[in-house]
Amino acid sequence: MTRVRIGLAAAAFAAAGFASAQSADMTFFVTSTGSGKGADLGGLAGADKLCQSLAAAAGAGGKTWRAYLSTQGAGAVNAKDRIGDGPWQNAKGVVVAKSNADLHGASNNLNKQTAVTEKGEVLNGRGDTPNRHDILTGSQPDGTAFTVAEDKTCGNWSKSGDGNAVVGHHDRTGLDTSPPALSWNSSHPSAGCSDEALIKTGGAGRIYCFATK
């Protein structure tokens, strides 16, 4: 019996070590939590800080992390230009994209099972209760910023009331099979910028995080 217990303990220790090694190698995740203030992330700097802190808690804080978010207006920033060129893998060691071009192409490996949190958790998607597949991006399908005057980024990630932010579906599933419905980064605008508004359309204020190096 003692040998069995020792064997089980050793196996558990080895499994924990393997999981820890995978987390350390992680270069992509969906945040397990939002800011607590809807789409008000404290701007890009605040969003990056959220990515960095969650990565650090998961054992991957030695990398430089950036939020996949675009901004609008003067000095607009493209989400795709913030995250480096990959490749990127999740907390389970699964590669989700080989390069920036692959990430924004038709062959990336982003879906419900691979777009997991920094803890390796699979998030609720369409068909689950509650649905939480909306991920804040403020971006067009190619990862660039919107050039229209209409708010697509909740005031460049500083609003938690009125406004709108474009979201993507991490599970690549929507009301139909149109490209926006299946898009991981540019599906539709939110109903507003508050936590309540984001929840209304199937979100929770979460963002994508990528390691630049």
N, C-alpha and C. Protein backbone atom coordinates (compact mmCIF):
# COMPACT_ATOMS: atom_id res chain seq x y z
N MET A 1 0.83 -1.21 0.00
CA MET A 1 0.00 0.00 0.00
C MET A 1 0.87 1.27 0.00
N THR A 2 1.93 1.20 0.85
CA THR A 2 2.84 2.35 0.92
C THR A 2 3.50 2.62 -0.42
N ARG A 3 3.92 1.54 -1.10
CA ARG A 3 4.56 1.70 -2.42
C ARG A 3 3.59 2.31 -3.42
N VAL A 4 2.33 1.89 -3.34
CA VAL A 4 1.31 2.43 -4.24
C VAL A 4 1.14 3.93 -4.01
N ARG A 5 1.10 4.30 -2.72
CA ARG A 5 0.95 5.73 -2.39
C ARG A 5 2.13 6.53 -2.88
N ILE A 6 3.32 5.99 -2.68
CA ILE A 6 4.52 6.68 -3.15
C ILE A 6 4.50 6.82 -4.66
N GLY A 7 4.06 5.75 -5.33
CA GLY A 7 3.98 5.77 -6.79
C GLY A 7 2.99 6.81 -7.29
N LEU A 8 1.84 6.89 -6.62
CA LEU A 8 0.83 7.87 -7.01
C LEU A 8 1.32 9.29 -6.75
N ALA A 9 2.00 9.48 -5.63
CA ALA A 9 2.53 10.79 -5.31
C ALA A 9 3.58 11.22 -6.33
N ALA A 10 4.42 10.28 -6.72
CA ALA A 10 5.46 10.58 -7.72
C ALA A 10 4.83 10.94 -9.05
N ALA A 11 3.78 10.20 -9.42
CA ALA A 11 3.09 10.47 -10.68
C ALA A 11 2.45 11.84 -10.66
N ALA A 12 1.84 12.18 -9.52
CA ALA A 12 1.20 13.49 -9.39
C ALA A 12 2.23 14.61 -9.46
N PHE A 13 3.38 14.37 -8.82
CA PHE A 13 4.46 15.37 -8.83
C PHE A 13 4.98 15.57 -10.25
N ALA A 14 5.14 14.48 -10.97
CA ALA A 14 5.63 14.55 -12.35
C ALA A 14 4.63 15.28 -13.23
N ALA A 15 3.34 14.99 -13.03
CA ALA A 15 2.30 15.65 -13.82
C ALA A 15 2.27 17.14 -13.53
N ALA A 16 2.43 17.50 -12.27
CA ALA A 16 2.45 18.91 -11.89
C ALA A 16 3.65 19.61 -12.51
N GLY A 17 4.79 18.92 -12.52
CA GLY A 17 5.99 19.49 -13.14
C GLY A 17 5.82 19.69 -14.62
N PHE A 18 5.17 18.73 -15.28
CA PHE A 18 4.92 18.83 -16.72
C PHE A 18 4.00 20.00 -17.02
N ALA A 19 2.93 20.14 -16.21
CA ALA A 19 1.99 21.24 -16.41
C ALA A 19 2.67 22.58 -16.20
N SER A 20 3.55 22.64 -15.18
CA SER A 20 4.28 23.87 -14.90
C SER A 20 5.20 24.23 -16.06
N ALA A 21 5.84 23.23 -16.63
CA ALA A 21 6.74 23.48 -17.77
C ALA A 21 5.96 23.99 -18.97
N GLN A 22 4.77 23.42 -19.19
CA GLN A 22 3.94 23.88 -20.29
C GLN A 22 3.53 25.33 -20.09
N SER A 23 3.13 25.68 -18.85
CA SER A 23 2.73 27.05 -18.56
C SER A 23 3.88 28.02 -18.80
N ALA A 24 5.09 27.60 -18.42
CA ALA A 24 6.27 28.46 -18.61
C ALA A 24 6.53 28.70 -20.09
N ASP A 25 6.18 27.74 -20.93
CA ASP A 25 6.38 27.86 -22.38
C ASP A 25 5.20 28.53 -23.08
N MET A 26 4.16 28.81 -22.35
CA MET A 26 2.95 29.43 -22.91
C MET A 26 3.26 30.80 -23.51
N THR A 27 2.71 31.06 -24.68
CA THR A 27 2.90 32.36 -25.33
C THR A 27 1.58 32.97 -25.81
N PHE A 28 0.48 32.34 -25.43
CA PHE A 28 -0.85 32.85 -25.78
C PHE A 28 -1.87 32.38 -24.76
N PHE A 29 -2.81 33.25 -24.43
CA PHE A 29 -3.95 32.83 -23.61
C PHE A 29 -5.07 33.85 -23.69
N VAL A 30 -6.25 33.41 -23.28
CA VAL A 30 -7.39 34.28 -23.07
C VAL A 30 -7.44 34.55 -21.57
N THR A 31 -7.62 35.78 -21.18
CA THR A 31 -7.61 36.09 -19.75
C THR A 31 -8.72 35.36 -19.01
N SER A 32 -8.41 34.85 -17.85
CA SER A 32 -9.41 34.15 -17.04
C SER A 32 -10.37 35.12 -16.38
N THR A 33 -10.03 36.40 -16.41
CA THR A 33 -10.87 37.42 -15.80
C THR A 33 -10.75 38.71 -16.60
N GLY A 34 -11.71 39.59 -16.42
CA GLY A 34 -11.65 40.90 -17.04
C GLY A 34 -11.08 41.92 -16.06
N SER A 35 -11.28 43.18 -16.35
CA SER A 35 -10.76 44.24 -15.49
C SER A 35 -11.65 44.48 -14.28
N GLY A 36 -12.89 44.02 -14.37
CA GLY A 36 -13.86 44.30 -13.32
C GLY A 36 -14.59 45.60 -13.57
N LYS A 37 -14.21 46.29 -14.66
CA LYS A 37 -14.84 47.57 -15.02
C LYS A 37 -15.30 47.54 -16.47
N GLY A 38 -15.82 46.41 -16.91
CA GLY A 38 -16.28 46.30 -18.28
C GLY A 38 -15.13 46.41 -19.26
N ALA A 39 -15.32 47.27 -20.27
CA ALA A 39 -14.28 47.45 -21.29
C ALA A 39 -13.27 48.53 -20.91
N ASP A 40 -13.42 49.10 -19.72
CA ASP A 40 -12.42 50.05 -19.23
C ASP A 40 -11.25 49.23 -18.68
N LEU A 41 -10.24 49.09 -19.52
CA LEU A 41 -9.07 48.30 -19.17
C LEU A 41 -7.90 49.15 -18.70
N GLY A 42 -8.15 50.47 -18.64
CA GLY A 42 -7.04 51.37 -18.33
C GLY A 42 -6.19 51.63 -19.54
N GLY A 43 -6.83 51.62 -20.73
CA GLY A 43 -6.10 51.82 -21.97
C GLY A 43 -5.24 50.61 -22.30
N LEU A 44 -4.40 50.75 -23.31
CA LEU A 44 -3.52 49.64 -23.69
C LEU A 44 -2.55 49.28 -22.57
N ALA A 45 -2.08 50.28 -21.84
CA ALA A 45 -1.13 50.02 -20.76
C ALA A 45 -1.76 49.16 -19.67
N GLY A 46 -3.00 49.47 -19.34
CA GLY A 46 -3.70 48.69 -18.33
C GLY A 46 -3.99 47.28 -18.79
N ALA A 47 -4.33 47.14 -20.08
CA ALA A 47 -4.60 45.81 -20.64
C ALA A 47 -3.34 44.97 -20.66
N ASP A 48 -2.23 45.58 -21.05
CA ASP A 48 -0.95 44.87 -21.04
C ASP A 48 -0.58 44.42 -19.63
N LYS A 49 -0.85 45.27 -18.66
CA LYS A 49 -0.55 44.94 -17.27
C LYS A 49 -1.37 43.74 -16.80
N LEU A 50 -2.64 43.69 -17.24
CA LEU A 50 -3.49 42.55 -16.90
C LEU A 50 -2.91 41.27 -17.48
N CYS A 51 -2.50 41.32 -18.75
CA CYS A 51 -1.87 40.15 -19.38
C CYS A 51 -0.62 39.72 -18.63
N GLN A 52 0.22 40.70 -18.31
CA GLN A 52 1.50 40.39 -17.65
C GLN A 52 1.29 39.78 -16.26
N SER A 53 0.33 40.32 -15.51
CA SER A 53 0.11 39.83 -14.15
C SER A 53 -0.48 38.43 -14.14
N LEU A 54 -1.40 38.16 -15.05
CA LEU A 54 -1.99 36.82 -15.13
C LEU A 54 -0.96 35.80 -15.61
N ALA A 55 -0.13 36.21 -16.55
CA ALA A 55 0.93 35.32 -17.03
C ALA A 55 1.91 35.00 -15.91
N ALA A 56 2.26 36.01 -15.13
CA ALA A 56 3.19 35.82 -14.02
C ALA A 56 2.62 34.85 -13.00
N ALA A 57 1.34 34.98 -12.71
CA ALA A 57 0.69 34.09 -11.74
C ALA A 57 0.69 32.65 -12.24
N ALA A 58 0.73 32.48 -13.56
CA ALA A 58 0.72 31.14 -14.15
C ALA A 58 2.13 30.61 -14.39
N GLY A 59 3.15 31.39 -14.03
CA GLY A 59 4.52 30.94 -14.18
C GLY A 59 5.17 31.32 -15.49
N ALA A 60 4.55 32.26 -16.23
CA ALA A 60 5.10 32.67 -17.52
C ALA A 60 5.37 34.17 -17.56
N GLY A 61 5.72 34.72 -16.41
CA GLY A 61 5.95 36.16 -16.33
C GLY A 61 7.28 36.63 -16.87
N GLY A 62 8.14 35.71 -17.29
CA GLY A 62 9.43 36.10 -17.81
C GLY A 62 9.39 36.61 -19.24
N LYS A 63 8.23 36.58 -19.84
CA LYS A 63 8.06 37.07 -21.22
C LYS A 63 7.42 38.45 -21.21
N THR A 64 7.49 39.13 -22.34
CA THR A 64 6.81 40.41 -22.51
C THR A 64 5.45 40.14 -23.13
N TRP A 65 4.39 40.48 -22.42
CA TRP A 65 3.02 40.18 -22.86
C TRP A 65 2.31 41.44 -23.33
N ARG A 66 1.53 41.28 -24.39
CA ARG A 66 0.75 42.38 -24.94
C ARG A 66 -0.70 41.94 -25.19
N ALA A 67 -1.61 42.85 -24.94
CA ALA A 67 -3.02 42.60 -25.19
C ALA A 67 -3.30 42.77 -26.68
N TYR A 68 -4.11 41.88 -27.23
CA TYR A 68 -4.50 41.99 -28.64
C TYR A 68 -5.67 42.97 -28.73
N LEU A 69 -5.33 44.26 -28.84
CA LEU A 69 -6.33 45.32 -28.89
C LEU A 69 -5.87 46.40 -29.86
N SER A 70 -6.80 46.94 -30.61
CA SER A 70 -6.53 48.09 -31.46
C SER A 70 -7.09 49.34 -30.80
N THR A 71 -6.61 50.50 -31.22
CA THR A 71 -7.17 51.78 -30.78
C THR A 71 -7.53 52.61 -32.01
N GLN A 72 -8.30 53.66 -31.79
CA GLN A 72 -8.77 54.51 -32.89
C GLN A 72 -8.29 55.95 -32.73
N GLY A 73 -8.49 56.73 -33.80
CA GLY A 73 -8.19 58.15 -33.74
C GLY A 73 -6.73 58.46 -34.00
N ALA A 74 -6.31 59.63 -33.54
CA ALA A 74 -4.92 60.05 -33.72
C ALA A 74 -3.98 59.06 -33.04
N GLY A 75 -2.99 58.59 -33.79
CA GLY A 75 -2.06 57.61 -33.23
C GLY A 75 -2.65 56.23 -33.07
N ALA A 76 -3.64 55.91 -33.90
CA ALA A 76 -4.31 54.60 -33.83
C ALA A 76 -3.30 53.47 -33.88
N VAL A 77 -3.57 52.43 -33.13
CA VAL A 77 -2.68 51.27 -33.03
C VAL A 77 -3.40 50.04 -33.56
N ASN A 78 -2.69 49.25 -34.36
CA ASN A 78 -3.22 47.99 -34.86
C ASN A 78 -2.88 46.86 -33.90
N ALA A 79 -3.86 46.06 -33.55
CA ALA A 79 -3.62 44.94 -32.64
C ALA A 79 -2.52 44.03 -33.17
N LYS A 80 -2.54 43.77 -34.46
CA LYS A 80 -1.58 42.83 -35.04
C LYS A 80 -0.14 43.30 -34.93
N ASP A 81 0.05 44.63 -34.82
CA ASP A 81 1.40 45.19 -34.74
C ASP A 81 1.96 45.17 -33.32
N ARG A 82 1.14 44.77 -32.36
CA ARG A 82 1.57 44.81 -30.96
C ARG A 82 2.15 43.50 -30.46
N ILE A 83 1.96 42.41 -31.20
CA ILE A 83 2.15 41.09 -30.60
C ILE A 83 3.33 40.28 -31.15
N GLY A 84 4.15 40.87 -31.99
CA GLY A 84 5.28 40.13 -32.53
C GLY A 84 4.88 39.23 -33.69
N ASP A 85 5.67 38.21 -33.94
CA ASP A 85 5.40 37.36 -35.11
C ASP A 85 5.29 35.88 -34.76
N GLY A 86 5.14 35.54 -33.49
CA GLY A 86 4.91 34.16 -33.13
C GLY A 86 6.16 33.30 -33.27
N PRO A 87 6.01 31.98 -33.25
CA PRO A 87 4.74 31.25 -33.10
C PRO A 87 4.21 31.36 -31.68
N TRP A 88 2.92 30.99 -31.52
CA TRP A 88 2.30 31.07 -30.21
C TRP A 88 1.65 29.74 -29.84
N GLN A 89 1.79 29.39 -28.57
CA GLN A 89 1.17 28.17 -28.08
C GLN A 89 0.45 28.44 -26.76
N ASN A 90 -0.57 27.65 -26.49
CA ASN A 90 -1.35 27.86 -25.27
C ASN A 90 -0.75 27.17 -24.06
N ALA A 91 -1.46 27.22 -22.95
CA ALA A 91 -0.97 26.66 -21.69
C ALA A 91 -0.84 25.14 -21.73
N LYS A 92 -1.44 24.51 -22.72
CA LYS A 92 -1.36 23.06 -22.86
C LYS A 92 -0.30 22.63 -23.86
N GLY A 93 0.41 23.62 -24.40
CA GLY A 93 1.47 23.32 -25.36
C GLY A 93 1.00 23.17 -26.79
N VAL A 94 -0.26 23.53 -27.06
CA VAL A 94 -0.81 23.42 -28.41
C VAL A 94 -0.55 24.72 -29.18
N VAL A 95 0.05 24.61 -30.35
CA VAL A 95 0.32 25.79 -31.18
C VAL A 95 -0.99 26.30 -31.79
N VAL A 96 -1.27 27.60 -31.59
CA VAL A 96 -2.49 28.18 -32.13
C VAL A 96 -2.24 28.94 -33.42
N ALA A 97 -1.00 29.39 -33.62
CA ALA A 97 -0.63 30.07 -34.87
C ALA A 97 0.88 30.05 -35.01
N LYS A 98 1.35 29.86 -36.23
CA LYS A 98 2.78 29.75 -36.50
C LYS A 98 3.45 31.10 -36.72
N SER A 99 2.62 32.09 -37.10
CA SER A 99 3.16 33.42 -37.38
C SER A 99 2.01 34.41 -37.33
N ASN A 100 2.34 35.69 -37.44
CA ASN A 100 1.31 36.73 -37.46
C ASN A 100 0.41 36.55 -38.67
N ALA A 101 1.00 36.22 -39.80
CA ALA A 101 0.21 36.01 -41.01
C ALA A 101 -0.71 34.80 -40.85
N ASP A 102 -0.20 33.75 -40.23
CA ASP A 102 -1.00 32.55 -39.98
C ASP A 102 -2.15 32.86 -39.04
N LEU A 103 -1.87 33.65 -38.01
CA LEU A 103 -2.90 34.03 -37.04
C LEU A 103 -4.07 34.72 -37.72
N HIS A 104 -3.77 35.56 -38.70
CA HIS A 104 -4.82 36.32 -39.38
C HIS A 104 -5.27 35.67 -40.69
N GLY A 105 -4.86 34.43 -40.89
CA GLY A 105 -5.28 33.68 -42.07
C GLY A 105 -6.32 32.64 -41.73
N ALA A 106 -6.67 31.85 -42.73
CA ALA A 106 -7.74 30.85 -42.56
C ALA A 106 -7.28 29.58 -41.88
N SER A 107 -5.98 29.40 -41.74
CA SER A 107 -5.47 28.12 -41.23
C SER A 107 -5.02 28.14 -39.77
N ASN A 108 -5.29 29.23 -39.05
CA ASN A 108 -4.87 29.25 -37.64
C ASN A 108 -5.64 28.20 -36.85
N ASN A 109 -5.14 27.90 -35.67
CA ASN A 109 -5.71 26.83 -34.85
C ASN A 109 -6.42 27.37 -33.62
N LEU A 110 -7.05 28.53 -33.77
CA LEU A 110 -7.81 29.11 -32.67
C LEU A 110 -9.23 28.59 -32.68
N ASN A 111 -9.66 28.01 -31.59
CA ASN A 111 -11.03 27.52 -31.43
C ASN A 111 -11.33 27.36 -29.94
N LYS A 112 -12.48 26.87 -29.62
CA LYS A 112 -12.89 26.76 -28.22
C LYS A 112 -11.92 25.92 -27.40
N GLN A 113 -11.41 24.84 -27.97
CA GLN A 113 -10.54 23.93 -27.24
C GLN A 113 -9.10 24.43 -27.10
N THR A 114 -8.71 25.36 -27.97
CA THR A 114 -7.32 25.85 -27.93
C THR A 114 -7.20 27.26 -27.37
N ALA A 115 -8.25 28.06 -27.47
CA ALA A 115 -8.22 29.42 -26.93
C ALA A 115 -8.56 29.36 -25.44
N VAL A 116 -7.63 28.79 -24.68
CA VAL A 116 -7.85 28.56 -23.26
C VAL A 116 -7.22 29.68 -22.43
N THR A 117 -7.53 29.69 -21.13
CA THR A 117 -6.99 30.71 -20.25
C THR A 117 -5.53 30.41 -19.90
N GLU A 118 -4.94 31.32 -19.15
CA GLU A 118 -3.57 31.12 -18.68
C GLU A 118 -3.46 29.91 -17.75
N LYS A 119 -4.60 29.46 -17.25
CA LYS A 119 -4.63 28.28 -16.38
C LYS A 119 -4.93 27.00 -17.16
N GLY A 120 -5.11 27.15 -18.47
CA GLY A 120 -5.43 26.01 -19.31
C GLY A 120 -6.90 25.65 -19.30
N GLU A 121 -7.74 26.55 -18.82
CA GLU A 121 -9.17 26.29 -18.71
C GLU A 121 -9.89 26.59 -20.03
N VAL A 122 -10.83 25.72 -20.41
CA VAL A 122 -11.67 25.95 -21.57
C VAL A 122 -12.83 26.84 -21.14
N LEU A 123 -13.06 27.91 -21.88
CA LEU A 123 -14.10 28.88 -21.53
C LEU A 123 -15.44 28.52 -22.17
N ASN A 124 -16.50 28.96 -21.54
CA ASN A 124 -17.84 28.75 -22.10
C ASN A 124 -17.96 29.41 -23.46
N GLY A 125 -18.66 28.72 -24.36
CA GLY A 125 -18.93 29.25 -25.69
C GLY A 125 -20.41 29.20 -25.99
N ARG A 126 -20.74 29.41 -27.24
CA ARG A 126 -22.15 29.35 -27.64
C ARG A 126 -22.68 27.94 -27.38
N GLY A 127 -23.85 27.87 -26.76
CA GLY A 127 -24.45 26.59 -26.40
C GLY A 127 -24.24 26.24 -24.94
N ASP A 128 -23.28 26.94 -24.30
CA ASP A 128 -23.05 26.76 -22.87
C ASP A 128 -23.82 27.82 -22.09
N THR A 129 -24.05 27.56 -20.83
CA THR A 129 -24.73 28.53 -19.98
C THR A 129 -23.84 28.90 -18.80
N PRO A 130 -23.45 30.19 -18.70
CA PRO A 130 -23.75 31.25 -19.66
C PRO A 130 -22.75 31.26 -20.81
N ASN A 131 -23.16 31.82 -21.94
CA ASN A 131 -22.25 31.97 -23.07
C ASN A 131 -21.29 33.11 -22.78
N ARG A 132 -20.00 32.87 -22.94
CA ARG A 132 -18.99 33.90 -22.69
C ARG A 132 -17.94 33.90 -23.81
N HIS A 133 -18.42 33.79 -25.06
CA HIS A 133 -17.44 33.67 -26.15
C HIS A 133 -16.96 34.99 -26.73
N ASP A 134 -17.55 36.11 -26.32
CA ASP A 134 -17.12 37.42 -26.83
C ASP A 134 -15.81 37.86 -26.17
N ILE A 135 -14.80 38.12 -27.00
CA ILE A 135 -13.49 38.58 -26.52
C ILE A 135 -13.22 39.97 -27.11
N LEU A 136 -12.91 40.93 -26.27
CA LEU A 136 -12.67 42.30 -26.72
C LEU A 136 -11.45 42.38 -27.63
N THR A 137 -11.59 43.06 -28.78
CA THR A 137 -10.45 43.28 -29.68
C THR A 137 -10.44 44.67 -30.30
N GLY A 138 -11.60 45.21 -30.63
CA GLY A 138 -11.66 46.51 -31.30
C GLY A 138 -10.97 46.50 -32.66
N SER A 139 -10.96 45.35 -33.30
CA SER A 139 -10.16 45.19 -34.51
C SER A 139 -10.95 44.69 -35.71
N GLN A 140 -10.40 44.94 -36.89
CA GLN A 140 -10.92 44.37 -38.12
C GLN A 140 -10.34 42.96 -38.29
N PRO A 141 -10.91 42.15 -39.20
CA PRO A 141 -10.43 40.78 -39.36
C PRO A 141 -8.93 40.64 -39.61
N ASP A 142 -8.32 41.63 -40.26
CA ASP A 142 -6.88 41.54 -40.53
C ASP A 142 -6.03 42.07 -39.38
N GLY A 143 -6.67 42.39 -38.27
CA GLY A 143 -5.93 42.84 -37.10
C GLY A 143 -5.63 44.32 -37.06
N THR A 144 -6.21 45.08 -37.98
CA THR A 144 -5.97 46.53 -38.02
C THR A 144 -7.08 47.29 -37.32
N ALA A 145 -6.79 48.55 -37.02
CA ALA A 145 -7.75 49.41 -36.34
C ALA A 145 -8.83 49.90 -37.30
N PHE A 146 -9.97 50.23 -36.75
CA PHE A 146 -11.05 50.85 -37.54
C PHE A 146 -10.72 52.31 -37.77
N THR A 147 -11.02 52.79 -38.96
CA THR A 147 -10.74 54.19 -39.30
C THR A 147 -11.98 55.06 -39.22
N VAL A 148 -13.13 54.48 -38.96
CA VAL A 148 -14.38 55.24 -38.86
C VAL A 148 -14.42 56.00 -37.54
N ALA A 149 -15.27 57.04 -37.49
CA ALA A 149 -15.39 57.84 -36.28
C ALA A 149 -16.19 57.11 -35.20
N GLU A 150 -17.08 56.23 -35.61
CA GLU A 150 -17.90 55.49 -34.66
C GLU A 150 -17.03 54.68 -33.69
N ASP A 151 -17.38 54.73 -32.43
CA ASP A 151 -16.60 54.06 -31.39
C ASP A 151 -16.64 52.54 -31.57
N LYS A 152 -15.47 51.97 -31.71
CA LYS A 152 -15.32 50.51 -31.83
C LYS A 152 -14.44 49.94 -30.72
N THR A 153 -13.99 50.81 -29.81
CA THR A 153 -13.01 50.39 -28.80
C THR A 153 -13.36 50.89 -27.39
N CYS A 154 -14.64 51.25 -27.18
CA CYS A 154 -15.04 51.79 -25.87
C CYS A 154 -14.08 52.89 -25.42
N GLY A 155 -13.92 53.86 -26.34
CA GLY A 155 -13.06 55.01 -26.01
C GLY A 155 -11.63 54.62 -25.78
N ASN A 156 -11.13 53.75 -26.68
CA ASN A 156 -9.75 53.25 -26.54
C ASN A 156 -9.52 52.60 -25.18
N TRP A 157 -10.52 51.80 -24.80
CA TRP A 157 -10.45 50.95 -23.60
C TRP A 157 -10.40 51.77 -22.31
N SER A 158 -11.24 52.86 -22.31
CA SER A 158 -11.31 53.71 -21.13
C SER A 158 -12.74 53.93 -20.64
N LYS A 159 -13.72 53.30 -21.30
CA LYS A 159 -15.12 53.51 -20.94
C LYS A 159 -15.72 52.25 -20.30
N SER A 160 -16.60 52.49 -19.34
CA SER A 160 -17.33 51.38 -18.74
C SER A 160 -18.83 51.66 -18.70
N GLY A 161 -19.27 52.56 -19.60
CA GLY A 161 -20.68 52.91 -19.68
C GLY A 161 -21.15 52.86 -21.12
N ASP A 162 -21.49 54.04 -21.67
CA ASP A 162 -21.92 54.10 -23.06
C ASP A 162 -20.74 53.87 -24.00
N GLY A 163 -21.06 53.41 -25.22
CA GLY A 163 -20.04 53.16 -26.21
C GLY A 163 -20.16 51.74 -26.75
N ASN A 164 -19.23 51.36 -27.57
CA ASN A 164 -19.22 50.03 -28.17
C ASN A 164 -17.79 49.55 -28.36
N ALA A 165 -17.63 48.26 -28.38
CA ALA A 165 -16.34 47.65 -28.69
C ALA A 165 -16.58 46.43 -29.56
N VAL A 166 -15.80 46.29 -30.60
CA VAL A 166 -15.89 45.10 -31.45
C VAL A 166 -15.27 43.92 -30.71
N VAL A 167 -15.95 42.79 -30.81
CA VAL A 167 -15.48 41.57 -30.16
C VAL A 167 -15.33 40.45 -31.18
N GLY A 168 -14.56 39.45 -30.81
CA GLY A 168 -14.44 38.23 -31.61
C GLY A 168 -15.00 37.06 -30.83
N HIS A 169 -15.23 35.94 -31.50
CA HIS A 169 -15.74 34.73 -30.86
C HIS A 169 -14.61 33.72 -30.69
N HIS A 170 -14.20 33.46 -29.47
CA HIS A 170 -13.08 32.54 -29.25
C HIS A 170 -13.41 31.12 -29.67
N ASP A 171 -14.72 30.79 -29.73
CA ASP A 171 -15.13 29.43 -30.11
C ASP A 171 -15.45 29.30 -31.60
N ARG A 172 -15.28 30.41 -32.33
CA ARG A 172 -15.51 30.43 -33.79
C ARG A 172 -16.92 29.97 -34.14
N THR A 173 -17.90 30.35 -33.31
CA THR A 173 -19.29 29.95 -33.50
C THR A 173 -20.20 31.14 -33.27
N GLY A 174 -21.24 31.27 -34.11
CA GLY A 174 -22.18 32.37 -33.96
C GLY A 174 -23.58 31.97 -34.36
N LEU A 175 -24.38 32.97 -34.69
CA LEU A 175 -25.77 32.72 -35.05
C LEU A 175 -25.91 32.03 -36.40
N ASP A 176 -24.87 32.15 -37.25
CA ASP A 176 -24.90 31.52 -38.57
C ASP A 176 -23.47 31.16 -38.96
N THR A 177 -23.26 30.90 -40.23
CA THR A 177 -21.92 30.51 -40.69
C THR A 177 -21.24 31.61 -41.50
N SER A 178 -21.70 32.85 -41.33
CA SER A 178 -21.07 33.97 -42.02
C SER A 178 -19.68 34.22 -41.44
N PRO A 179 -18.78 34.82 -42.23
CA PRO A 179 -17.42 35.08 -41.74
C PRO A 179 -17.36 35.82 -40.40
N PRO A 180 -18.17 36.88 -40.20
CA PRO A 180 -18.11 37.54 -38.88
C PRO A 180 -18.50 36.62 -37.73
N ALA A 181 -19.52 35.80 -37.92
CA ALA A 181 -19.97 34.91 -36.86
C ALA A 181 -18.89 33.91 -36.46
N LEU A 182 -18.05 33.54 -37.42
CA LEU A 182 -17.00 32.54 -37.18
C LEU A 182 -15.65 33.17 -36.87
N SER A 183 -15.61 34.48 -36.78
CA SER A 183 -14.34 35.18 -36.59
C SER A 183 -13.89 35.20 -35.13
N TRP A 184 -12.63 34.94 -34.92
CA TRP A 184 -12.08 34.97 -33.55
C TRP A 184 -11.78 36.39 -33.09
N ASN A 185 -11.68 37.34 -34.04
CA ASN A 185 -11.26 38.69 -33.65
C ASN A 185 -12.15 39.83 -34.11
N SER A 186 -13.18 39.55 -34.92
CA SER A 186 -13.99 40.67 -35.42
C SER A 186 -15.39 40.18 -35.79
N SER A 187 -16.22 39.97 -34.80
CA SER A 187 -17.55 39.40 -35.03
C SER A 187 -18.67 40.44 -35.04
N HIS A 188 -18.73 41.27 -33.99
CA HIS A 188 -19.83 42.24 -33.88
C HIS A 188 -19.51 43.23 -32.76
N PRO A 189 -20.23 44.36 -32.71
CA PRO A 189 -20.03 45.31 -31.62
C PRO A 189 -20.75 44.84 -30.36
N SER A 190 -20.25 45.24 -29.24
CA SER A 190 -20.92 44.94 -27.98
C SER A 190 -22.14 45.84 -27.81
N ALA A 191 -22.96 45.53 -26.82
CA ALA A 191 -24.15 46.34 -26.55
C ALA A 191 -23.80 47.60 -25.76
N GLY A 192 -22.59 47.66 -25.26
CA GLY A 192 -22.13 48.80 -24.48
C GLY A 192 -20.77 48.48 -23.91
N CYS A 193 -20.34 49.26 -22.92
CA CYS A 193 -19.00 49.09 -22.37
C CYS A 193 -18.98 48.62 -20.92
N SER A 194 -20.14 48.52 -20.31
CA SER A 194 -20.21 48.07 -18.92
C SER A 194 -20.16 46.55 -18.85
N ASP A 195 -19.90 46.03 -17.67
CA ASP A 195 -19.93 44.58 -17.49
C ASP A 195 -21.28 44.02 -17.90
N GLU A 196 -22.35 44.71 -17.51
CA GLU A 196 -23.70 44.24 -17.82
C GLU A 196 -23.94 44.20 -19.33
N ALA A 197 -23.46 45.22 -20.04
CA ALA A 197 -23.64 45.27 -21.49
C ALA A 197 -22.84 44.19 -22.19
N LEU A 198 -21.64 43.94 -21.70
CA LEU A 198 -20.80 42.90 -22.31
C LEU A 198 -21.41 41.52 -22.08
N ILE A 199 -21.94 41.29 -20.92
CA ILE A 199 -22.60 40.02 -20.60
C ILE A 199 -23.82 39.82 -21.50
N LYS A 200 -24.52 40.89 -21.80
CA LYS A 200 -25.74 40.83 -22.60
C LYS A 200 -25.52 40.19 -23.95
N THR A 201 -24.37 40.43 -24.56
CA THR A 201 -24.10 39.87 -25.89
C THR A 201 -23.19 38.65 -25.83
N GLY A 202 -22.92 38.15 -24.62
CA GLY A 202 -22.15 36.91 -24.51
C GLY A 202 -20.69 37.08 -24.16
N GLY A 203 -20.37 38.12 -23.39
CA GLY A 203 -18.98 38.36 -23.04
C GLY A 203 -18.77 38.47 -21.54
N ALA A 204 -17.52 38.74 -21.17
CA ALA A 204 -17.18 38.91 -19.76
C ALA A 204 -15.99 39.85 -19.60
N GLY A 205 -15.73 40.68 -20.63
CA GLY A 205 -14.62 41.63 -20.55
C GLY A 205 -13.26 41.00 -20.70
N ARG A 206 -13.19 39.81 -21.28
CA ARG A 206 -11.91 39.13 -21.45
C ARG A 206 -11.18 39.61 -22.70
N ILE A 207 -9.86 39.40 -22.71
CA ILE A 207 -9.03 39.78 -23.85
C ILE A 207 -8.06 38.67 -24.20
N TYR A 208 -7.51 38.75 -25.41
CA TYR A 208 -6.45 37.84 -25.83
C TYR A 208 -5.10 38.42 -25.43
N CYS A 209 -4.19 37.57 -24.98
CA CYS A 209 -2.85 38.00 -24.62
C CYS A 209 -1.81 37.19 -25.40
N PHE A 210 -0.83 37.87 -25.94
CA PHE A 210 0.24 37.22 -26.72
C PHE A 210 1.60 37.66 -26.19
N ALA A 211 2.54 36.73 -26.13
CA ALA A 211 3.91 37.06 -25.77
C ALA A 211 4.64 37.54 -27.02
N THR A 212 5.29 38.69 -26.90
CA THR A 212 6.02 39.23 -28.06
C THR A 212 7.40 38.60 -28.17
N LYS A 213 7.96 38.15 -27.04
CA LYS A 213 9.27 37.49 -27.03
C LYS A 213 9.48 36.81 -25.71
